[in-house]
Amino acid sequence: MMAKMDDKSRLIRWVFLLQEFDMEGLLGVIYKHLEVSCLMLKHWKSLSVVIEN
């Protein structure tokens, strides 16, 4: 019984800890990084086509 109580209290502590993080902000940063990376990749591919021709 004590082990269950300890597990539950540990879970509750993690839930409170994770609530402090701004996940929407983090996802926005990741999305922006991927968007810029894709644009750069498209630009580099178009440059390589021009260079090859």
C-alpha atoms as a PDB file:
ATOM      1  CA  MET A   1       0.000   0.000   0.000  1.00  0.00           C
ATOM      2  CA  MET A   2       2.849   2.432   0.826  1.00  0.00           C
ATOM      3  CA  ALA A   3       4.467   1.847  -2.568  1.00  0.00           C
ATOM      4  CA  LYS A   4       1.236   2.815  -4.334  1.00  0.00           C
ATOM      5  CA  MET A   5       0.969   6.022  -2.309  1.00  0.00           C
ATOM      6  CA  ASP A   6       4.589   6.842  -3.128  1.00  0.00           C
ATOM      7  CA  ASP A   7       4.007   6.228  -6.862  1.00  0.00           C
ATOM      8  CA  LYS A   8       0.896   8.385  -6.852  1.00  0.00           C
ATOM      9  CA  SER A   9       2.610  11.263  -5.064  1.00  0.00           C
ATOM     10  CA  ARG A  10       5.549  11.040  -7.478  1.00  0.00           C
ATOM     11  CA  LEU A  11       3.144  11.177 -10.432  1.00  0.00           C
ATOM     12  CA  ILE A  12       1.375  14.202  -8.968  1.00  0.00           C
ATOM     13  CA  ARG A  13       4.703  15.981  -8.498  1.00  0.00           C
ATOM     14  CA  TRP A  14       5.614  15.320 -12.154  1.00  0.00           C
ATOM     15  CA  VAL A  15       2.241  16.610 -13.342  1.00  0.00           C
ATOM     16  CA  PHE A  16       2.742  19.863 -11.433  1.00  0.00           C
ATOM     17  CA  LEU A  17       6.306  20.176 -12.710  1.00  0.00           C
ATOM     18  CA  LEU A  18       5.314  19.657 -16.348  1.00  0.00           C
ATOM     19  CA  GLN A  19       2.467  22.173 -16.078  1.00  0.00           C
ATOM     20  CA  GLU A  20       5.070  24.895 -15.560  1.00  0.00           C
ATOM     21  CA  PHE A  21       6.414  24.498 -19.099  1.00  0.00           C
ATOM     22  CA  ASP A  22       4.892  26.455 -21.963  1.00  0.00           C
ATOM     23  CA  MET A  23       4.308  23.643 -24.460  1.00  0.00           C
ATOM     24  CA  GLU A  24       2.564  25.882 -27.015  1.00  0.00           C
ATOM     25  CA  GLY A  25       5.571  28.178 -27.080  1.00  0.00           C
ATOM     26  CA  LEU A  26       7.920  25.229 -27.435  1.00  0.00           C
ATOM     27  CA  LEU A  27       5.882  23.763 -30.294  1.00  0.00           C
ATOM     28  CA  GLY A  28       5.862  27.174 -31.992  1.00  0.00           C
ATOM     29  CA  VAL A  29       9.654  27.357 -31.841  1.00  0.00           C
ATOM     30  CA  ILE A  30       9.993  23.829 -33.244  1.00  0.00           C
ATOM     31  CA  TYR A  31       7.495  24.577 -36.027  1.00  0.00           C
ATOM     32  CA  LYS A  32       9.309  27.803 -36.976  1.00  0.00           C
ATOM     33  CA  HIS A  33      12.669  25.996 -37.051  1.00  0.00           C
ATOM     34  CA  LEU A  34      11.290  23.252 -39.307  1.00  0.00           C
ATOM     35  CA  GLU A  35       9.629  25.811 -41.566  1.00  0.00           C
ATOM     36  CA  VAL A  36      12.882  27.735 -42.026  1.00  0.00           C
ATOM     37  CA  SER A  37      14.809  24.481 -42.583  1.00  0.00           C
ATOM     38  CA  CYS A  38      12.377  23.407 -45.322  1.00  0.00           C
ATOM     39  CA  LEU A  39      12.623  26.787 -47.036  1.00  0.00           C
ATOM     40  CA  MET A  40      16.422  26.627 -46.950  1.00  0.00           C
ATOM     41  CA  LEU A  41      16.392  23.094 -48.343  1.00  0.00           C
ATOM     42  CA  LYS A  42      14.128  24.146 -51.229  1.00  0.00           C
ATOM     43  CA  HIS A  43      16.416  27.105 -51.944  1.00  0.00           C
ATOM     44  CA  TRP A  44      19.545  24.912 -51.943  1.00  0.00           C
ATOM     45  CA  LYS A  45      17.879  22.387 -54.256  1.00  0.00           C
ATOM     46  CA  SER A  46      16.950  25.148 -56.703  1.00  0.00           C
ATOM     47  CA  LEU A  47      20.518  26.473 -56.584  1.00  0.00           C
ATOM     48  CA  SER A  48      21.945  23.030 -57.343  1.00  0.00           C
ATOM     49  CA  VAL A  49      19.649  22.716 -60.367  1.00  0.00           C
ATOM     50  CA  VAL A  50      20.884  26.084 -61.670  1.00  0.00           C
ATOM     51  CA  ILE A  51      24.521  25.151 -61.064  1.00  0.00           C
ATOM     52  CA  GLU A  52      24.156  21.771 -62.788  1.00  0.00           C
ATOM     53  CA  ASN A  53      22.578  23.324 -65.918  1.00  0.00           C
END
